[in-house]
Each structure stands twice: as C-alpha cells, then as structure tokens.
Protein backbone atom coordinates (compact mmCIF):
# COMPACT_ATOMS: atom_id res chain seq x y z
CA MET A 1 0.00 0.00 0.00
CA ARG A 2 2.80 2.45 0.92
CA GLY A 3 4.45 1.81 -2.45
CA THR A 4 1.19 2.62 -4.24
CA ILE A 5 0.94 5.93 -2.38
CA PHE A 6 4.55 6.71 -3.27
CA ALA A 7 3.97 6.02 -6.97
CA ALA A 8 0.86 8.21 -6.98
CA ALA A 9 2.78 11.05 -5.36
CA LEU A 10 5.52 10.84 -7.97
CA LEU A 11 3.03 10.81 -10.82
CA LEU A 12 1.25 13.85 -9.42
CA GLY A 13 4.54 15.68 -9.03
CA LEU A 14 5.89 14.88 -12.48
CA GLY A 15 2.72 14.94 -14.50
CA ALA A 16 1.27 18.23 -13.32
CA GLN A 17 2.28 21.54 -11.87
CA PRO A 18 2.36 21.44 -8.05
CA ALA A 19 -0.52 23.02 -6.19
CA PHE A 20 1.43 26.17 -5.43
CA SER A 21 2.11 26.91 -9.09
CA GLN A 22 -1.62 27.23 -9.60
CA THR A 23 -1.70 30.24 -7.28
CA HIS A 24 0.29 32.24 -9.80
CA PRO A 25 -2.03 32.08 -12.86
CA SER A 26 -2.42 34.34 -15.85
CA ALA A 27 -4.43 36.76 -13.75
CA PRO A 28 -4.64 37.11 -9.97
CA PRO A 29 -7.42 35.20 -8.22
CA SER A 30 -10.75 36.92 -7.76
CA ALA A 31 -11.20 39.01 -4.65
CA PRO A 32 -12.19 37.29 -1.42
CA ALA A 33 -15.61 37.93 0.05
CA SER A 34 -14.40 41.08 1.75
CA ALA A 35 -11.84 43.70 0.80
CA PRO A 36 -8.25 43.44 2.12
CA ALA A 37 -7.95 44.25 5.80
CA ALA A 38 -7.47 47.90 6.58
CA ALA A 39 -4.28 49.10 8.26
CA GLY A 40 -4.16 47.96 11.85
CA ALA A 41 -6.91 45.36 11.39
CA ALA A 42 -6.69 41.73 12.46
CA ASN A 43 -6.49 38.86 9.99
CA SER A 44 -9.05 39.22 7.21
CA PRO A 45 -11.46 36.37 6.32
CA GLY A 46 -9.07 35.50 3.50
CA ASP A 47 -6.13 34.88 5.87
CA SER A 48 -4.76 31.70 7.44
CA PRO A 49 -4.57 31.86 11.25
CA ILE A 50 -0.92 30.77 11.15
CA TRP A 51 -0.05 34.28 9.89
CA SER A 52 -0.14 37.30 12.18
CA VAL A 53 -1.28 40.43 10.33
CA GLY A 54 -0.13 43.80 11.65
CA PRO A 55 -0.54 47.34 10.35
CA ASP A 56 2.60 47.15 8.20
CA ARG A 57 3.83 43.55 8.24
CA LEU A 58 2.74 39.90 8.29
CA LEU A 59 4.59 37.32 10.37
CA PHE A 60 4.79 33.58 9.69
CA ALA A 61 5.79 32.51 13.19
CA PRO A 62 6.94 28.89 12.56
CA ALA A 63 9.81 30.18 10.41
CA GLY A 64 10.16 33.55 12.14
CA ILE A 65 9.85 35.30 8.76
CA SER A 66 7.94 38.53 8.27
CA VAL A 67 6.94 40.25 5.03
CA PRO A 68 5.80 43.83 4.32
CA ARG A 69 2.09 44.26 3.65
CA ARG A 70 2.88 46.54 0.73
CA ALA A 71 5.67 46.19 -1.82
CA GLY A 72 5.74 48.73 -4.62
CA THR A 73 2.26 48.77 -6.09
CA VAL A 74 1.13 45.41 -4.69
CA GLU A 75 -0.59 44.86 -1.34
CA HIS A 76 -1.47 41.82 0.75
CA TYR A 77 -4.94 40.38 0.28
CA GLU A 78 -4.72 36.70 1.32
CA THR A 79 -2.67 34.08 3.15
CA ARG A 80 -3.32 30.35 3.20
CA GLU A 81 -1.78 26.95 3.82
CA PHE A 82 -1.16 24.33 1.19
CA SER A 83 -0.25 20.66 1.32
CA HIS A 84 -0.24 20.16 5.11
CA PRO A 85 -3.14 22.15 6.59
CA GLY A 86 -2.69 22.78 10.29
CA GLU A 87 0.98 21.71 10.31
CA GLY A 88 2.54 24.99 9.17
CA LEU A 89 4.88 23.31 6.64
CA ASP A 90 3.98 25.39 3.58
CA THR A 91 2.02 28.59 3.23
CA VAL A 92 1.60 31.47 0.80
CA LEU A 93 1.06 35.21 1.13
CA GLN A 94 -0.52 36.80 -1.95
CA LEU A 95 -0.40 40.42 -3.02
CA ARG A 96 -1.78 42.40 -5.96
CA SER A 97 -2.05 45.91 -7.37
CA ALA A 98 -5.20 48.01 -7.16
CA ASP A 99 -6.14 47.10 -10.74
CA ARG A 100 -5.15 43.41 -10.15
CA ALA A 101 -2.89 43.42 -13.19
CA VAL A 102 0.36 43.07 -11.20
CA PHE A 103 0.48 40.32 -8.58
CA ALA A 104 3.01 38.61 -6.34
CA SER A 105 3.26 35.66 -3.98
CA VAL A 106 5.56 34.77 -1.11
CA TYR A 107 5.64 30.99 -0.63
CA VAL A 108 7.32 29.75 2.58
CA TYR A 109 7.87 25.99 2.77
CA LEU A 110 9.92 23.33 4.53
CA PRO A 111 11.34 20.95 1.90
CA SER A 112 13.48 18.09 3.11
CA VAL A 113 16.21 19.34 0.74
CA SER A 114 16.43 23.11 1.11
CA HIS A 115 18.86 24.45 -1.49
CA THR A 116 18.42 27.67 -3.45
CA GLY A 117 20.26 26.37 -6.52
CA LEU A 118 18.14 23.23 -6.83
CA GLN A 119 14.87 25.04 -6.19
CA ALA A 120 15.77 27.70 -8.78
CA ILE A 121 16.48 25.06 -11.45
CA ALA A 122 13.21 23.24 -10.72
CA THR A 123 11.16 26.44 -10.96
CA ASP A 124 13.02 27.59 -14.07
CA ALA A 125 12.02 24.34 -15.78
CA ALA A 126 8.39 24.74 -14.65
CA ILE A 127 8.25 28.31 -16.00
CA GLN A 128 9.96 27.63 -19.33
CA THR A 129 7.98 24.46 -20.09
CA ASN A 130 4.56 25.55 -18.86
CA PRO A 131 2.11 23.96 -21.35
CA LYS A 132 -0.02 27.12 -21.30
CA GLY A 133 2.91 29.23 -22.47
CA GLY A 134 6.49 28.92 -21.27
CA GLY A 135 8.47 32.02 -20.42
CA LYS A 136 11.76 32.97 -22.06
CA LEU A 137 14.65 33.44 -19.64
CA LEU A 138 15.98 36.99 -19.81
CA ARG A 139 18.47 37.00 -16.95
CA SER A 140 19.41 35.24 -13.73
CA GLY A 141 21.73 35.96 -10.85
CA THR A 142 21.73 36.88 -7.18
CA ALA A 143 20.23 39.77 -5.23
CA SER A 144 20.38 41.39 -1.83
CA VAL A 145 17.92 40.58 0.95
CA GLY A 146 17.44 43.17 3.67
CA GLY A 147 20.62 44.92 2.54
CA LYS A 148 22.79 41.78 2.60
CA PRO A 149 24.28 40.99 -0.84
CA ARG A 150 24.12 37.67 -2.72
CA ILE A 151 21.43 36.06 -0.56
CA ALA A 152 18.66 35.43 -3.10
CA MET A 153 18.80 33.47 -6.36
CA THR A 154 16.78 35.41 -8.94
CA ALA A 155 15.52 35.08 -12.53
CA ALA A 156 13.32 37.07 -14.93
CA TYR A 157 11.29 35.86 -17.92
CA SER A 158 9.33 37.37 -20.79
CA ASN A 159 6.20 36.08 -22.55
CA TYR A 160 5.15 33.86 -19.65
CA LEU A 161 1.67 32.47 -20.37
CA GLY A 162 1.85 34.46 -23.59
CA SER A 163 1.90 38.04 -22.35
CA LEU A 164 3.40 38.28 -18.86
CA PHE A 165 6.73 39.40 -17.51
CA THR A 166 7.49 37.20 -14.50
CA THR A 167 10.24 36.98 -11.91
CA SER A 168 11.35 34.55 -9.23
CA ALA A 169 13.58 34.68 -6.16
CA PHE A 170 14.71 32.05 -3.64
CA VAL A 171 16.00 32.56 -0.12
CA LYS A 172 17.10 29.88 2.37
CA ALA A 173 16.82 30.41 6.14
CA GLY A 174 17.67 27.37 8.24
CA ARG A 175 15.79 24.51 6.57
CA TRP A 176 13.05 26.89 5.37
CA MET A 177 12.80 28.06 1.77
CA VAL A 178 11.17 31.30 0.61
CA LYS A 179 10.05 31.48 -3.02
CA ILE A 180 8.90 34.88 -4.26
CA ARG A 181 7.14 35.33 -7.59
CA ALA A 182 6.00 38.62 -9.14
CA SER A 183 4.23 38.94 -12.49
CA GLY A 184 2.35 41.41 -14.64
CA PRO A 185 1.80 42.61 -18.20
CA GLN A 186 4.96 42.86 -20.28
CA PRO A 187 4.75 46.69 -20.57
CA ARG A 188 4.78 46.90 -16.75
CA GLU A 189 8.10 45.09 -16.35
CA ALA A 190 9.59 47.88 -14.23
CA GLU A 191 6.63 47.76 -11.84
CA VAL A 192 6.91 43.96 -11.47
CA SER A 193 10.66 44.19 -10.85
CA ALA A 194 10.12 46.92 -8.27
CA ALA A 195 7.60 44.74 -6.41
CA LEU A 196 10.08 41.84 -6.27
CA LYS A 197 12.88 44.11 -5.03
CA ALA A 198 10.64 45.65 -2.37
CA LEU A 199 9.68 42.21 -1.09
CA LEU A 200 13.32 41.11 -0.92
CA ASP A 201 14.37 44.36 0.76
CA GLY A 202 11.50 44.03 3.22
CA LEU A 203 12.02 40.41 4.31
CA LYS A 204 12.90 40.13 7.99
CA PHE A 205 14.11 37.08 9.90
CA GLU A 206 12.87 37.51 13.44
CA GLY A 207 13.39 34.03 14.87
CA ALA A 208 16.28 31.60 15.21
CA TYR A 209 16.88 31.22 11.46
CA ARG A 210 19.04 33.59 9.43
CA PRO A 211 19.30 33.80 5.64
CA ARG A 212 22.19 31.95 4.08
CA PRO A 213 24.16 32.95 0.99
CA ALA A 214 22.76 31.93 -2.39
CA GLU A 215 24.07 28.60 -3.70
CA PRO A 216 24.13 28.71 -7.52
CA LEU A 217 24.98 25.46 -9.28
CA GLU A 218 27.03 25.00 -12.44
CA ALA A 219 25.05 22.67 -14.68
CA GLY A 220 26.16 22.25 -18.28
CA GLU A 221 24.65 19.71 -20.65
CA CYS A 222 25.48 16.07 -19.90
CA ALA A 223 27.44 14.03 -22.40
CA ALA A 224 25.70 10.95 -23.81
CA SER A 225 28.04 8.74 -21.77
CA ALA A 226 26.96 10.32 -18.46
CA ALA A 227 24.03 7.92 -18.10
CA GLY A 228 26.48 5.08 -17.57
CA GLY A 229 25.85 1.41 -18.30
CA GLY A 230 23.11 -1.01 -17.35
CA ASP A 231 20.82 -1.29 -14.38
CA ALA A 232 22.15 -1.06 -10.84
CA ARG A 233 21.74 -4.10 -8.59
CA LEU A 234 19.45 -3.77 -5.57
CA LEU A 235 21.28 -4.74 -2.37
CA ASP A 236 20.10 -6.22 0.91
CA ASP A 237 19.62 -3.02 2.90
CA LYS A 238 18.11 -4.11 6.21
CA ASP A 239 21.28 -2.99 8.04
CA GLN A 240 21.52 0.28 6.11
CA ILE A 241 18.29 1.98 7.16
CA ILE A 242 19.44 3.59 10.42
CA GLY A 243 22.68 4.83 8.85
CA ALA A 244 20.77 6.28 5.91
CA ALA A 245 18.36 7.98 8.29
CA LEU A 246 21.21 9.65 10.16
CA PHE A 247 22.55 11.51 7.12
CA ALA A 248 19.11 12.00 5.55
CA GLN A 249 18.04 14.03 8.59
CA LEU A 250 20.93 16.47 8.12
CA ASP A 251 20.68 19.56 5.96
CA ALA A 252 21.98 18.51 2.53
CA ALA A 253 23.29 22.05 2.05
CA GLY A 254 25.38 21.74 5.24
CA GLU A 255 24.52 22.40 8.84
CA GLU A 256 24.84 25.92 10.12
CA ALA A 257 26.90 26.85 13.17
CA THR A 258 23.96 25.96 15.42
CA GLY A 259 23.94 22.38 14.11
CA LYS A 260 27.04 20.55 15.36
CA ASP A 261 27.93 16.91 14.99
CA ALA A 262 29.23 14.74 17.82
CA ALA A 263 32.78 15.96 17.23
CA GLY A 264 31.72 19.58 17.63
CA LYS A 265 32.23 20.47 13.98
CA ALA A 266 29.78 22.02 11.54
CA VAL A 267 28.53 19.46 9.02
CA PRO A 268 29.74 20.17 5.45
CA PRO A 269 27.30 19.95 2.52
CA ARG A 270 26.78 16.76 0.56
CA ILE A 271 25.61 18.76 -2.48
CA GLY A 272 28.49 19.86 -4.70
CA ARG A 273 28.54 22.88 -7.03
CA THR A 274 29.33 21.27 -10.39
CA TRP A 275 26.80 19.14 -12.23
CA CYS A 276 25.68 18.19 -15.71
CA ARG A 277 22.05 18.45 -16.72
CA SER A 278 19.76 16.27 -18.81
CA VAL A 279 16.06 15.38 -18.85
CA LEU A 280 14.24 12.33 -17.52
CA GLN A 281 11.18 11.79 -19.68
CA VAL A 282 8.26 9.71 -18.42
CA GLY A 283 5.47 9.63 -20.99
CA ASP A 284 4.75 13.24 -21.91
CA ALA A 285 6.26 14.61 -18.68
CA ARG A 286 9.84 15.87 -18.45
CA ALA A 287 11.88 16.53 -15.31
CA PRO A 288 15.34 18.11 -15.02
CA MET A 289 17.97 15.56 -14.00
CA LEU A 290 21.34 16.55 -12.51
CA ARG A 291 24.40 14.31 -12.27
CA ALA A 292 27.42 15.21 -10.15
CA VAL A 293 30.54 15.87 -12.20
CA SER A 294 33.50 13.88 -10.94
CA GLY A 295 36.20 16.21 -9.62
CA GLY A 296 33.96 19.25 -10.02
CA ARG A 297 34.21 22.36 -7.86
CA GLY A 298 32.87 22.09 -4.34
CA THR A 299 32.22 18.36 -4.49
CA GLY A 300 29.96 17.54 -1.56
CA THR A 301 31.64 15.59 1.24
CA GLY A 302 29.18 15.91 4.11
CA LYS A 303 29.61 13.06 6.62
CA GLY A 304 31.48 11.02 4.00
CA VAL A 305 28.44 11.02 1.72
CA ARG A 306 27.92 12.77 -1.60
CA SER A 307 24.84 13.66 -3.61
CA GLU A 308 25.29 11.98 -7.00
CA LEU A 309 22.01 12.56 -8.83
CA PHE A 310 18.80 14.57 -8.56
CA VAL A 311 15.53 14.29 -10.48
CA LEU A 312 13.59 17.51 -9.87
CA TYR A 313 10.03 16.37 -10.50
CA SER A 314 8.29 19.27 -8.70
CA ASP A 315 8.98 22.98 -8.32
CA SER A 316 7.93 22.91 -4.66
CA GLY A 317 10.59 20.59 -3.26
CA GLY A 318 9.73 17.19 -4.75
CA MET A 319 12.85 15.40 -5.96
CA LEU A 320 14.64 12.07 -6.13
CA GLU A 321 18.21 11.98 -4.81
CA VAL A 322 20.87 9.31 -5.07
CA VAL A 323 23.45 9.57 -2.29
CA GLY A 324 26.79 7.78 -2.61
CA LEU A 325 28.60 6.20 0.33
CA PRO A 326 32.18 5.99 -0.98
CA THR A 327 33.67 3.86 1.79
CA GLU A 328 30.87 1.31 1.58
CA LYS A 329 30.49 1.48 -2.22
CA LYS A 330 26.73 1.82 -1.90
CA HIS A 331 24.20 4.22 -3.37
CA ILE A 332 20.97 5.06 -1.53
CA LEU A 333 17.82 6.32 -3.24
CA LEU A 334 15.80 8.99 -1.43
CA ASN A 335 12.53 10.70 -2.31
CA HIS A 336 12.18 14.24 -0.92
CA ALA A 337 9.03 16.29 -0.45
CA ILE A 338 7.72 19.03 1.79
CA GLY A 339 8.27 17.91 5.36
CA GLU A 340 9.31 14.35 4.51
CA THR A 341 12.11 12.15 3.18
CA LEU A 342 11.41 8.57 2.09
CA ILE A 343 14.32 6.13 2.22
CA LEU A 344 14.02 3.71 -0.71
CA GLY A 345 16.41 1.10 -2.14
CA THR A 346 20.18 0.66 -1.72
CA PHE A 347 22.15 -0.15 -4.89
CA ASP A 348 25.63 -1.17 -6.00
CA ALA A 349 25.69 1.75 -8.49
CA VAL A 350 23.65 4.79 -9.44
CA PRO A 351 20.30 3.51 -10.81
CA SER A 352 19.92 3.69 -14.57
CA ASP A 353 17.57 6.06 -16.37
CA ARG A 354 15.30 3.09 -17.03
CA GLN A 355 15.13 2.27 -13.33
CA LEU A 356 14.43 5.91 -12.48
CA ARG A 357 11.60 6.08 -15.01
CA GLN A 358 10.07 2.94 -13.53
CA LEU A 359 9.84 4.63 -10.15
CA PHE A 360 7.17 6.91 -11.62
CA THR A 361 5.11 4.09 -13.10
CA GLN A 362 5.89 0.73 -11.44
CA PRO A 363 8.19 1.35 -8.46
CA GLY A 364 8.32 -2.30 -7.36
CA GLU A 365 10.96 -3.34 -4.86
CA ASN A 366 13.35 -0.56 -5.94
CA GLY A 367 10.82 2.04 -4.83
CA ARG A 368 9.56 0.30 -1.70
CA VAL A 369 9.67 2.65 1.28
CA ARG A 370 12.09 1.33 3.91
CA ALA A 371 11.71 4.28 6.29
CA SER A 372 10.53 7.87 6.37
CA ILE A 373 11.74 10.97 8.15
CA VAL A 374 8.90 13.33 9.00
CA MET A 375 9.87 16.96 9.64
CA LYS A 376 7.91 19.32 11.85
CA ALA A 377 7.59 23.09 11.75
CA ASP A 378 9.13 23.42 15.22
CA GLY A 379 12.40 21.87 14.02
CA ASP A 380 11.82 18.36 15.39
CA SER A 381 11.77 15.26 13.19
CA GLU A 382 10.56 11.69 13.55
CA LEU A 383 11.98 8.49 12.06
CA ARG A 384 9.41 5.88 11.06
CA ILE A 385 10.63 2.41 10.08
CA ALA A 386 8.39 0.62 7.61
CA PRO A 387 7.50 -3.02 8.39
CA PRO A 388 9.29 -5.58 6.16
CA PRO A 389 7.35 -7.13 3.26
CA GLY A 390 5.10 -9.97 4.29
CA SER A 391 4.95 -8.92 7.93
CA GLY A 392 1.20 -8.36 7.72
CA ASN A 393 1.45 -4.80 9.03
C-alpha cells in the first residue's frame, strides 16, 4: 500500500504543476468575500490563522519570517496553507495591485532538501515548459535581501503564459525556503521588478533562522556517456536503514553553526557545485535531471556522503536523490518532499535512467519505502521504520 501511495505522489509531481504553481495564474485570483484588511486590522477572512497580520507587516511565526504588507504597487490580500493544513509546513502570502494586473506571492515551505540552486532550477524548468505558455529566460543571478548581498537566487522571464513578464527569487533560512514570484503585463516590467525588489528588501528574519548565501549550481549539458551502463543491482539493505536515516536528517546544504555533529564540527554539505544536466522523460512529462561531475568544484563531502544525482520532478521541493557512500560502495535512493524524506532502495551503483523512469510508473521493490523521516515546523523530526514485506502490518 505504501508503495502505491509513493507512486501516486511521484506521478502527481511529475505529471502536473504542483498546487502552489496554480496560485500564480495568468491573472490574480478573484477578490475574497471582503476587501483586504485595513491598516491595523486583524487577519481578514481570506487569511490563514498561522499568519499574524499587523498594520505594516505579516509574520509567519513557525519560520520567524515577516513580510511587508505593501511592496511597490502590490498589497497583501490573502494568506493560506497548502499541502499540510494545520501543520505549518507550507504557506503562501498573496499580493496584488489596485487594478489586479500586477500580482506577487511569497511561498514559505519546509522541503526536506532546502537548497536555493536546486529550487531555482526546478522552478526555471516549470516556467519555461509551462504547457499554457512557457516564459523565455531573460536574466538570472543573485540579489540582496534586507541589505545583505548575494542572498537570493533570482531570474526574470518574458512572454510567460503568452503576455506576462514574471520573476522569481529564492532565499534559504535554516531549513526553510522562501520562493517569491511577481508577475504582470509585459509593458509593466519595471513595476513587477520593483515589487520583487521591495519584497526582498523588506524580508525580515525575526526568529532563530538567518538567511544563508545563495548557492548557484554549475550545470552544463550532460554528455551521452553520463548515463552510464546497465541497471544497478538492488542490495540487501536491512542494516543500512538507520545509517541512511542519520545523514538524511541532516541539511543537505550543510549544517549551520547551530547544528554541530558529535565531534563539535559544523557538518559540510553533501551537495556539490558542479553538475551536468539532462532530462528524464516519463510519458509526456519531463523533469530536469542533474548528475554530479566527478572532480567538479565544491564536491559535496558531508559526513562522508555525496549527492550523486537529482531528479527535480516538482517545483515545490519534490525530488529524487541518489546519495553515494564511498567507503561502503553503496548508493541510496531517497525521495524528498515538503516535510518528509522517504528512504528507498540501496544499490551497488547509481540507478539507470530506465530504473528511475520505472519509479514513476511501477516502483516495485526498488521504490519500496524502507523508512521515512517526517519533519515538523518546530524543528523536530521523527523516524518511522516501515515493516518488512510480508509482515502483515
């Protein structure tokens, strides 16, 4: 049963835009039943109770992140939760201009892999390949947040959904990710850009988490030989689950100074900087696939493990990861989502493209869930060991 749920989740992630993408349509959503709350008012009927609305700012307490109510010409009109109602794991603040032509969204979420470079690549693919009208990339880079340089990963696109200029920005704070989108008619590009800048300038981090520097990835096109040879062999992994859970609970981008290992040292990242990029196609759906380049800059070495492959099947944190254990010559398959990591099979090599495609259609034993790590908004996590096949549980 758990494998069936896993397969369905993958298909939903790869075959359609995630739920959050639908909040940034060709025109802003219709107005809620009442007008936006007046200055100094409490939360409006269109607001989630997990946000605190003040005269000038809104605070999402679980992450300690606050956002200005007004940014350029756009103003707050709604907040709501998404995939985990009541858990505070992902939420969105929406803003729009008086004429509703320019609109913006601030999406705060807790993916199990929080990395600005990966999230930027996944969203870039979603924007450029949108079946209703992909945008054309104009520029990308980094931007300041609250006066601190090179914190946000940013990008701008023309002709999104046919006639829109749209922008994106990504900021990492602790394990939390902030995705900001701003869009509007092409002739109002300057107004859209000003709204994005005002939101970035106005972000405040009022809790324990501080923004970390942007982490751009180098990702040229993969050579045909990068896919390697035949299928990897599935190994007996009953003794590997606890070890896999230990590194899977760590921040793949590296632990900050507040997260020390037993030796008192900060944990280095397992995600390196240099990759090659291809596409994993499953039916009509296409997902960006990244392979680590041997000897590339900043090769991840966290805890003796190294991220070797990612399949970015969702622009809201859904991805497959293959983690290599060099000393043991094993390769562990993980499935990441908002608030959860699933530990899947252990292999003698990186799984082939064919095996990866099968995970989205017929996961079988390769995709059977061995354990899951459930993350909570308060920073805690829980390890759940799945019963072995045939146990009757």
